Amino acid sequence: MTPETVMEVARQALLVIIMLSAPVLLTALAIGLAIGMIQAATQIQEMTLSFIPKLLGMFVALLIAGSWMLDLVVNFTLRLYENVPALIG
């Protein structure tokens, strides 16, 4: 296995990780920003106020994007297993 092959597999794995985390993290970011703007407008400075909406939003994002995320991981794993002979030899 050449260093270029290892780097290519690592690049693909990092891309899959970024794509898997994006829906949940972007949802948490959007909800946190909206709650922060509401807190700034109303001058309510409670740090725990955004926790439950973020948690619920992330759960909904997982429900909506979960099948796509699972399909992405399964396809990546299958491609990796199919390419094992080519990667080794």
PDB file of N, CA and C in Angstrom:
ATOM      1  N   MET A   1       0.845  -1.165   0.000  1.00  0.00           N
ATOM      2  CA  MET A   1       0.000   0.000   0.000  1.00  0.00           C
ATOM      3  C   MET A   1       0.899   1.239   0.000  1.00  0.00           C
ATOM      4  N   THR A   2       0.673   2.100  -0.958  1.00  0.00           N
ATOM      5  CA  THR A   2       1.513   3.294  -1.078  1.00  0.00           C
ATOM      6  C   THR A   2       0.999   4.405  -0.169  1.00  0.00           C
ATOM      7  N   PRO A   3       1.835   5.349   0.149  1.00  0.00           N
ATOM      8  CA  PRO A   3       1.383   6.487   0.954  1.00  0.00           C
ATOM      9  C   PRO A   3       0.253   7.280   0.280  1.00  0.00           C
ATOM     10  N   GLU A   4       0.273   7.327  -1.041  1.00  0.00           N
ATOM     11  CA  GLU A   4      -0.785   8.044  -1.754  1.00  0.00           C
ATOM     12  C   GLU A   4      -2.130   7.354  -1.557  1.00  0.00           C
ATOM     13  N   THR A   5      -2.114   6.031  -1.546  1.00  0.00           N
ATOM     14  CA  THR A   5      -3.350   5.273  -1.338  1.00  0.00           C
ATOM     15  C   THR A   5      -3.884   5.493   0.070  1.00  0.00           C
ATOM     16  N   VAL A   6      -2.998   5.472   1.036  1.00  0.00           N
ATOM     17  CA  VAL A   6      -3.405   5.712   2.422  1.00  0.00           C
ATOM     18  C   VAL A   6      -4.001   7.111   2.558  1.00  0.00           C
ATOM     19  N   MET A   7      -3.379   8.092   1.951  1.00  0.00           N
ATOM     20  CA  MET A   7      -3.883   9.464   2.026  1.00  0.00           C
ATOM     21  C   MET A   7      -5.241   9.602   1.328  1.00  0.00           C
ATOM     22  N   GLU A   8      -5.426   8.876   0.231  1.00  0.00           N
ATOM     23  CA  GLU A   8      -6.707   8.935  -0.466  1.00  0.00           C
ATOM     24  C   GLU A   8      -7.832   8.314   0.361  1.00  0.00           C
ATOM     25  N   VAL A   9      -7.553   7.184   0.990  1.00  0.00           N
ATOM     26  CA  VAL A   9      -8.553   6.554   1.861  1.00  0.00           C
ATOM     27  C   VAL A   9      -8.852   7.459   3.060  1.00  0.00           C
ATOM     28  N   ALA A  10      -7.828   8.068   3.626  1.00  0.00           N
ATOM     29  CA  ALA A  10      -8.025   8.980   4.754  1.00  0.00           C
ATOM     30  C   ALA A  10      -8.826  10.206   4.321  1.00  0.00           C
ATOM     31  N   ARG A  11      -8.569  10.724   3.123  1.00  0.00           N
ATOM     32  CA  ARG A  11      -9.320  11.872   2.616  1.00  0.00           C
ATOM     33  C   ARG A  11     -10.789  11.516   2.441  1.00  0.00           C
ATOM     34  N   GLN A  12     -11.056  10.332   1.882  1.00  0.00           N
ATOM     35  CA  GLN A  12     -12.434   9.891   1.709  1.00  0.00           C
ATOM     36  C   GLN A  12     -13.132   9.706   3.053  1.00  0.00           C
ATOM     37  N   ALA A  13     -12.412   9.154   4.030  1.00  0.00           N
ATOM     38  CA  ALA A  13     -12.984   8.951   5.358  1.00  0.00           C
ATOM     39  C   ALA A  13     -13.303  10.283   6.027  1.00  0.00           C
ATOM     40  N   LEU A  14     -12.419  11.259   5.898  1.00  0.00           N
ATOM     41  CA  LEU A  14     -12.682  12.578   6.475  1.00  0.00           C
ATOM     42  C   LEU A  14     -13.861  13.262   5.794  1.00  0.00           C
ATOM     43  N   LEU A  15     -13.989  13.088   4.505  1.00  0.00           N
ATOM     44  CA  LEU A  15     -15.130  13.648   3.784  1.00  0.00           C
ATOM     45  C   LEU A  15     -16.434  13.026   4.267  1.00  0.00           C
ATOM     46  N   VAL A  16     -16.434  11.724   4.493  1.00  0.00           N
ATOM     47  CA  VAL A  16     -17.628  11.045   5.013  1.00  0.00           C
ATOM     48  C   VAL A  16     -17.945  11.554   6.419  1.00  0.00           C
ATOM     49  N   ILE A  17     -16.941  11.733   7.243  1.00  0.00           N
ATOM     50  CA  ILE A  17     -17.155  12.236   8.604  1.00  0.00           C
ATOM     51  C   ILE A  17     -17.757  13.643   8.577  1.00  0.00           C
ATOM     52  N   ILE A  18     -17.250  14.488   7.707  1.00  0.00           N
ATOM     53  CA  ILE A  18     -17.777  15.852   7.596  1.00  0.00           C
ATOM     54  C   ILE A  18     -19.228  15.826   7.128  1.00  0.00           C
ATOM     55  N   MET A  19     -19.516  14.986   6.147  1.00  0.00           N
ATOM     56  CA  MET A  19     -20.880  14.902   5.635  1.00  0.00           C
ATOM     57  C   MET A  19     -21.828  14.312   6.676  1.00  0.00           C
ATOM     58  N   LEU A  20     -21.341  13.397   7.504  1.00  0.00           N
ATOM     59  CA  LEU A  20     -22.181  12.818   8.546  1.00  0.00           C
ATOM     60  C   LEU A  20     -22.493  13.815   9.654  1.00  0.00           C
ATOM     61  N   SER A  21     -21.535  14.622  10.004  1.00  0.00           N
ATOM     62  CA  SER A  21     -21.731  15.546  11.129  1.00  0.00           C
ATOM     63  C   SER A  21     -22.421  16.844  10.713  1.00  0.00           C
ATOM     64  N   ALA A  22     -22.427  17.160   9.439  1.00  0.00           N
ATOM     65  CA  ALA A  22     -22.954  18.447   8.982  1.00  0.00           C
ATOM     66  C   ALA A  22     -24.423  18.683   9.343  1.00  0.00           C
ATOM     67  N   PRO A  23     -25.355  17.750   9.096  1.00  0.00           N
ATOM     68  CA  PRO A  23     -26.762  18.060   9.420  1.00  0.00           C
ATOM     69  C   PRO A  23     -26.990  18.372  10.892  1.00  0.00           C
ATOM     70  N   VAL A  24     -26.378  17.595  11.761  1.00  0.00           N
ATOM     71  CA  VAL A  24     -26.587  17.791  13.199  1.00  0.00           C
ATOM     72  C   VAL A  24     -25.917  19.080  13.673  1.00  0.00           C
ATOM     73  N   LEU A  25     -24.685  19.311  13.241  1.00  0.00           N
ATOM     74  CA  LEU A  25     -23.966  20.501  13.690  1.00  0.00           C
ATOM     75  C   LEU A  25     -24.582  21.786  13.133  1.00  0.00           C
ATOM     76  N   LEU A  26     -25.003  21.758  11.885  1.00  0.00           N
ATOM     77  CA  LEU A  26     -25.625  22.955  11.307  1.00  0.00           C
ATOM     78  C   LEU A  26     -26.971  23.255  11.961  1.00  0.00           C
ATOM     79  N   THR A  27     -27.705  22.211  12.324  1.00  0.00           N
ATOM     80  CA  THR A  27     -28.959  22.413  13.046  1.00  0.00           C
ATOM     81  C   THR A  27     -28.702  23.044  14.405  1.00  0.00           C
ATOM     82  N   ALA A  28     -27.726  22.514  15.134  1.00  0.00           N
ATOM     83  CA  ALA A  28     -27.386  23.080  16.445  1.00  0.00           C
ATOM     84  C   ALA A  28     -26.905  24.523  16.306  1.00  0.00           C
ATOM     85  N   LEU A  29     -26.145  24.809  15.267  1.00  0.00           N
ATOM     86  CA  LEU A  29     -25.668  26.166  15.033  1.00  0.00           C
ATOM     87  C   LEU A  29     -26.819  27.126  14.763  1.00  0.00           C
ATOM     88  N   ALA A  30     -27.741  26.722  13.912  1.00  0.00           N
ATOM     89  CA  ALA A  30     -28.871  27.590  13.565  1.00  0.00           C
ATOM     90  C   ALA A  30     -29.773  27.837  14.773  1.00  0.00           C
ATOM     91  N   ILE A  31     -30.052  26.785  15.534  1.00  0.00           N
ATOM     92  CA  ILE A  31     -30.900  26.947  16.716  1.00  0.00           C
ATOM     93  C   ILE A  31     -30.191  27.792  17.766  1.00  0.00           C
ATOM     94  N   GLY A  32     -28.910  27.568  17.962  1.00  0.00           N
ATOM     95  CA  GLY A  32     -28.150  28.371  18.925  1.00  0.00           C
ATOM     96  C   GLY A  32     -28.107  29.838  18.537  1.00  0.00           C
ATOM     97  N   LEU A  33     -27.970  30.113  17.247  1.00  0.00           N
ATOM     98  CA  LEU A  33     -27.959  31.493  16.778  1.00  0.00           C
ATOM     99  C   LEU A  33     -29.309  32.152  16.993  1.00  0.00           C
ATOM    100  N   ALA A  34     -30.383  31.424  16.677  1.00  0.00           N
ATOM    101  CA  ALA A  34     -31.731  31.982  16.867  1.00  0.00           C
ATOM    102  C   ALA A  34     -32.020  32.237  18.338  1.00  0.00           C
ATOM    103  N   ILE A  35     -31.681  31.307  19.194  1.00  0.00           N
ATOM    104  CA  ILE A  35     -31.901  31.488  20.638  1.00  0.00           C
ATOM    105  C   ILE A  35     -31.037  32.631  21.159  1.00  0.00           C
ATOM    106  N   GLY A  36     -29.813  32.729  20.680  1.00  0.00           N
ATOM    107  CA  GLY A  36     -28.939  33.826  21.103  1.00  0.00           C
ATOM    108  C   GLY A  36     -29.489  35.187  20.713  1.00  0.00           C
ATOM    109  N   MET A  37     -30.067  35.276  19.522  1.00  0.00           N
ATOM    110  CA  MET A  37     -30.664  36.547  19.099  1.00  0.00           C
ATOM    111  C   MET A  37     -31.885  36.878  19.949  1.00  0.00           C
ATOM    112  N   ILE A  38     -32.678  35.869  20.276  1.00  0.00           N
ATOM    113  CA  ILE A  38     -33.842  36.092  21.145  1.00  0.00           C
ATOM    114  C   ILE A  38     -33.387  36.518  22.532  1.00  0.00           C
ATOM    115  N   GLN A  39     -32.341  35.872  23.043  1.00  0.00           N
ATOM    116  CA  GLN A  39     -31.829  36.242  24.362  1.00  0.00           C
ATOM    117  C   GLN A  39     -31.273  37.659  24.358  1.00  0.00           C
ATOM    118  N   ALA A  40     -30.625  38.049  23.288  1.00  0.00           N
ATOM    119  CA  ALA A  40     -30.081  39.407  23.215  1.00  0.00           C
ATOM    120  C   ALA A  40     -31.204  40.438  23.128  1.00  0.00           C
ATOM    121  N   ALA A  41     -32.253  40.098  22.397  1.00  0.00           N
ATOM    122  CA  ALA A  41     -33.360  41.042  22.246  1.00  0.00           C
ATOM    123  C   ALA A  41     -34.153  41.192  23.537  1.00  0.00           C
ATOM    124  N   THR A  42     -34.309  40.101  24.282  1.00  0.00           N
ATOM    125  CA  THR A  42     -35.114  40.160  25.504  1.00  0.00           C
ATOM    126  C   THR A  42     -34.264  40.364  26.754  1.00  0.00           C
ATOM    127  N   GLN A  43     -32.972  40.366  26.611  1.00  0.00           N
ATOM    128  CA  GLN A  43     -32.021  40.515  27.709  1.00  0.00           C
ATOM    129  C   GLN A  43     -32.157  39.419  28.762  1.00  0.00           C
ATOM    130  N   ILE A  44     -32.583  38.238  28.318  1.00  0.00           N
ATOM    131  CA  ILE A  44     -32.597  37.062  29.192  1.00  0.00           C
ATOM    132  C   ILE A  44     -31.258  36.361  28.990  1.00  0.00           C
ATOM    133  N   GLN A  45     -30.443  36.321  30.010  1.00  0.00           N
ATOM    134  CA  GLN A  45     -29.099  35.756  29.880  1.00  0.00           C
ATOM    135  C   GLN A  45     -28.989  34.429  30.610  1.00  0.00           C
ATOM    136  N   GLU A  46     -29.916  33.534  30.342  1.00  0.00           N
ATOM    137  CA  GLU A  46     -29.873  32.206  30.940  1.00  0.00           C
ATOM    138  C   GLU A  46     -29.095  31.276  30.022  1.00  0.00           C
ATOM    139  N   MET A  47     -28.004  30.711  30.518  1.00  0.00           N
ATOM    140  CA  MET A  47     -27.120  29.896  29.686  1.00  0.00           C
ATOM    141  C   MET A  47     -27.753  28.558  29.302  1.00  0.00           C
ATOM    142  N   THR A  48     -28.643  28.030  30.135  1.00  0.00           N
ATOM    143  CA  THR A  48     -29.221  26.716  29.870  1.00  0.00           C
ATOM    144  C   THR A  48     -30.467  26.784  28.996  1.00  0.00           C
ATOM    145  N   LEU A  49     -30.885  27.973  28.606  1.00  0.00           N
ATOM    146  CA  LEU A  49     -32.110  28.127  27.829  1.00  0.00           C
ATOM    147  C   LEU A  49     -32.018  27.494  26.451  1.00  0.00           C
ATOM    148  N   SER A  50     -30.870  27.477  25.859  1.00  0.00           N
ATOM    149  CA  SER A  50     -30.742  26.952  24.497  1.00  0.00           C
ATOM    150  C   SER A  50     -30.490  25.448  24.462  1.00  0.00           C
ATOM    151  N   PHE A  51     -30.305  24.818  25.599  1.00  0.00           N
ATOM    152  CA  PHE A  51     -29.938  23.406  25.606  1.00  0.00           C
ATOM    153  C   PHE A  51     -31.052  22.507  25.081  1.00  0.00           C
ATOM    154  N   ILE A  52     -32.262  22.637  25.617  1.00  0.00           N
ATOM    155  CA  ILE A  52     -33.373  21.766  25.218  1.00  0.00           C
ATOM    156  C   ILE A  52     -33.767  21.992  23.762  1.00  0.00           C
ATOM    157  N   PRO A  53     -33.907  23.226  23.266  1.00  0.00           N
ATOM    158  CA  PRO A  53     -34.220  23.384  21.831  1.00  0.00           C
ATOM    159  C   PRO A  53     -33.138  22.805  20.919  1.00  0.00           C
ATOM    160  N   LYS A  54     -31.867  22.964  21.298  1.00  0.00           N
ATOM    161  CA  LYS A  54     -30.793  22.370  20.501  1.00  0.00           C
ATOM    162  C   LYS A  54     -30.896  20.855  20.497  1.00  0.00           C
ATOM    163  N   LEU A  55     -31.146  20.278  21.644  1.00  0.00           N
ATOM    164  CA  LEU A  55     -31.262  18.828  21.756  1.00  0.00           C
ATOM    165  C   LEU A  55     -32.418  18.308  20.911  1.00  0.00           C
ATOM    166  N   LEU A  56     -33.561  18.963  20.988  1.00  0.00           N
ATOM    167  CA  LEU A  56     -34.709  18.547  20.185  1.00  0.00           C
ATOM    168  C   LEU A  56     -34.445  18.734  18.695  1.00  0.00           C
ATOM    169  N   GLY A  57     -33.817  19.838  18.331  1.00  0.00           N
ATOM    170  CA  GLY A  57     -33.498  20.088  16.928  1.00  0.00           C
ATOM    171  C   GLY A  57     -32.525  19.075  16.373  1.00  0.00           C
ATOM    172  N   MET A  58     -31.541  18.707  17.175  1.00  0.00           N
ATOM    173  CA  MET A  58     -30.575  17.712  16.729  1.00  0.00           C
ATOM    174  C   MET A  58     -31.238  16.344  16.585  1.00  0.00           C
ATOM    175  N   PHE A  59     -32.176  16.036  17.470  1.00  0.00           N
ATOM    176  CA  PHE A  59     -32.915  14.782  17.362  1.00  0.00           C
ATOM    177  C   PHE A  59     -33.747  14.753  16.088  1.00  0.00           C
ATOM    178  N   VAL A  60     -34.412  15.859  15.777  1.00  0.00           N
ATOM    179  CA  VAL A  60     -35.201  15.942  14.539  1.00  0.00           C
ATOM    180  C   VAL A  60     -34.296  15.842  13.317  1.00  0.00           C
ATOM    181  N   ALA A  61     -33.147  16.495  13.368  1.00  0.00           N
ATOM    182  CA  ALA A  61     -32.199  16.404  12.253  1.00  0.00           C
ATOM    183  C   ALA A  61     -31.731  14.969  12.046  1.00  0.00           C
ATOM    184  N   LEU A  62     -31.504  14.241  13.140  1.00  0.00           N
ATOM    185  CA  LEU A  62     -31.123  12.835  13.018  1.00  0.00           C
ATOM    186  C   LEU A  62     -32.258  11.992  12.448  1.00  0.00           C
ATOM    187  N   LEU A  63     -33.493  12.303  12.835  1.00  0.00           N
ATOM    188  CA  LEU A  63     -34.632  11.572  12.276  1.00  0.00           C
ATOM    189  C   LEU A  63     -34.774  11.829  10.780  1.00  0.00           C
ATOM    190  N   ILE A  64     -34.592  13.063  10.378  1.00  0.00           N
ATOM    191  CA  ILE A  64     -34.765  13.417   8.965  1.00  0.00           C
ATOM    192  C   ILE A  64     -33.601  12.892   8.125  1.00  0.00           C
ATOM    193  N   ALA A  65     -32.380  13.110   8.584  1.00  0.00           N
ATOM    194  CA  ALA A  65     -31.202  12.758   7.785  1.00  0.00           C
ATOM    195  C   ALA A  65     -30.623  11.391   8.137  1.00  0.00           C
ATOM    196  N   GLY A  66     -31.229  10.682   9.066  1.00  0.00           N
ATOM    197  CA  GLY A  66     -30.663   9.420   9.531  1.00  0.00           C
ATOM    198  C   GLY A  66     -30.512   8.371   8.448  1.00  0.00           C
ATOM    199  N   SER A  67     -31.521   8.227   7.604  1.00  0.00           N
ATOM    200  CA  SER A  67     -31.433   7.198   6.557  1.00  0.00           C
ATOM    201  C   SER A  67     -30.347   7.547   5.541  1.00  0.00           C
ATOM    202  N   TRP A  68     -30.232   8.840   5.219  1.00  0.00           N
ATOM    203  CA  TRP A  68     -29.171   9.266   4.309  1.00  0.00           C
ATOM    204  C   TRP A  68     -27.793   9.029   4.923  1.00  0.00           C
ATOM    205  N   MET A  69     -27.664   9.320   6.217  1.00  0.00           N
ATOM    206  CA  MET A  69     -26.393   9.135   6.904  1.00  0.00           C
ATOM    207  C   MET A  69     -26.010   7.658   6.949  1.00  0.00           C
ATOM    208  N   LEU A  70     -26.986   6.797   7.243  1.00  0.00           N
ATOM    209  CA  LEU A  70     -26.721   5.367   7.280  1.00  0.00           C
ATOM    210  C   LEU A  70     -26.332   4.852   5.898  1.00  0.00           C
ATOM    211  N   ASP A  71     -27.018   5.326   4.870  1.00  0.00           N
ATOM    212  CA  ASP A  71     -26.688   4.935   3.501  1.00  0.00           C
ATOM    213  C   ASP A  71     -25.272   5.373   3.132  1.00  0.00           C
ATOM    214  N   LEU A  72     -24.882   6.555   3.555  1.00  0.00           N
ATOM    215  CA  LEU A  72     -23.543   7.069   3.280  1.00  0.00           C
ATOM    216  C   LEU A  72     -22.463   6.194   3.921  1.00  0.00           C
ATOM    217  N   VAL A  73     -22.661   5.827   5.173  1.00  0.00           N
ATOM    218  CA  VAL A  73     -21.687   4.999   5.886  1.00  0.00           C
ATOM    219  C   VAL A  73     -21.625   3.600   5.276  1.00  0.00           C
ATOM    220  N   VAL A  74     -22.779   3.032   4.970  1.00  0.00           N
ATOM    221  CA  VAL A  74     -22.807   1.679   4.394  1.00  0.00           C
ATOM    222  C   VAL A  74     -22.120   1.669   3.034  1.00  0.00           C
ATOM    223  N   ASN A  75     -22.405   2.657   2.189  1.00  0.00           N
ATOM    224  CA  ASN A  75     -21.758   2.711   0.874  1.00  0.00           C
ATOM    225  C   ASN A  75     -20.245   2.884   0.986  1.00  0.00           C
ATOM    226  N   PHE A  76     -19.807   3.739   1.905  1.00  0.00           N
ATOM    227  CA  PHE A  76     -18.370   3.928   2.099  1.00  0.00           C
ATOM    228  C   PHE A  76     -17.710   2.629   2.558  1.00  0.00           C
ATOM    229  N   THR A  77     -18.344   1.965   3.515  1.00  0.00           N
ATOM    230  CA  THR A  77     -17.782   0.717   4.031  1.00  0.00           C
ATOM    231  C   THR A  77     -17.742  -0.362   2.952  1.00  0.00           C
ATOM    232  N   LEU A  78     -18.807  -0.479   2.174  1.00  0.00           N
ATOM    233  CA  LEU A  78     -18.821  -1.470   1.107  1.00  0.00           C
ATOM    234  C   LEU A  78     -17.744  -1.189   0.060  1.00  0.00           C
ATOM    235  N   ARG A  79     -17.588   0.092  -0.320  1.00  0.00           N
ATOM    236  CA  ARG A  79     -16.529   0.449  -1.273  1.00  0.00           C
ATOM    237  C   ARG A  79     -15.152   0.127  -0.712  1.00  0.00           C
ATOM    238  N   LEU A  80     -14.971   0.378   0.573  1.00  0.00           N
ATOM    239  CA  LEU A  80     -13.685   0.098   1.203  1.00  0.00           C
ATOM    240  C   LEU A  80     -13.403  -1.407   1.220  1.00  0.00           C
ATOM    241  N   TYR A  81     -14.409  -2.204   1.578  1.00  0.00           N
ATOM    242  CA  TYR A  81     -14.219  -3.665   1.589  1.00  0.00           C
ATOM    243  C   TYR A  81     -13.995  -4.215   0.186  1.00  0.00           C
ATOM    244  N   GLU A  82     -14.680  -3.662  -0.806  1.00  0.00           N
ATOM    245  CA  GLU A  82     -14.494  -4.120  -2.182  1.00  0.00           C
ATOM    246  C   GLU A  82     -13.097  -3.792  -2.698  1.00  0.00           C
ATOM    247  N   ASN A  83     -12.504  -2.709  -2.219  1.00  0.00           N
ATOM    248  CA  ASN A  83     -11.200  -2.283  -2.698  1.00  0.00           C
ATOM    249  C   ASN A  83     -10.039  -2.834  -1.885  1.00  0.00           C
ATOM    250  N   VAL A  84     -10.313  -3.664  -0.886  1.00  0.00           N
ATOM    251  CA  VAL A  84      -9.238  -4.202  -0.054  1.00  0.00           C
ATOM    252  C   VAL A  84      -8.199  -4.977  -0.893  1.00  0.00           C
ATOM    253  N   PRO A  85      -8.601  -5.853  -1.814  1.00  0.00           N
ATOM    254  CA  PRO A  85      -7.567  -6.529  -2.602  1.00  0.00           C
ATOM    255  C   PRO A  85      -6.694  -5.566  -3.415  1.00  0.00           C
ATOM    256  N   ALA A  86      -7.306  -4.538  -3.963  1.00  0.00           N
ATOM    257  CA  ALA A  86      -6.528  -3.564  -4.742  1.00  0.00           C
ATOM    258  C   ALA A  86      -5.648  -2.718  -3.825  1.00  0.00           C
ATOM    259  N   LEU A  87      -6.101  -2.456  -2.615  1.00  0.00           N
ATOM    260  CA  LEU A  87      -5.311  -1.642  -1.692  1.00  0.00           C
ATOM    261  C   LEU A  87      -4.097  -2.405  -1.165  1.00  0.00           C
ATOM    262  N   ILE A  88      -4.272  -3.689  -0.937  1.00  0.00           N
ATOM    263  CA  ILE A  88      -3.179  -4.486  -0.392  1.00  0.00           C
ATOM    264  C   ILE A  88      -2.145  -4.819  -1.470  1.00  0.00           C
ATOM    265  N   GLY A  89      -2.639  -5.234  -2.630  1.00  0.00           N
ATOM    266  CA  GLY A  89      -1.723  -5.701  -3.673  1.00  0.00           C
ATOM    267  C   GLY A  89      -1.278  -4.644  -4.556  1.00  0.00           C
TER     268      GLY A  89
END
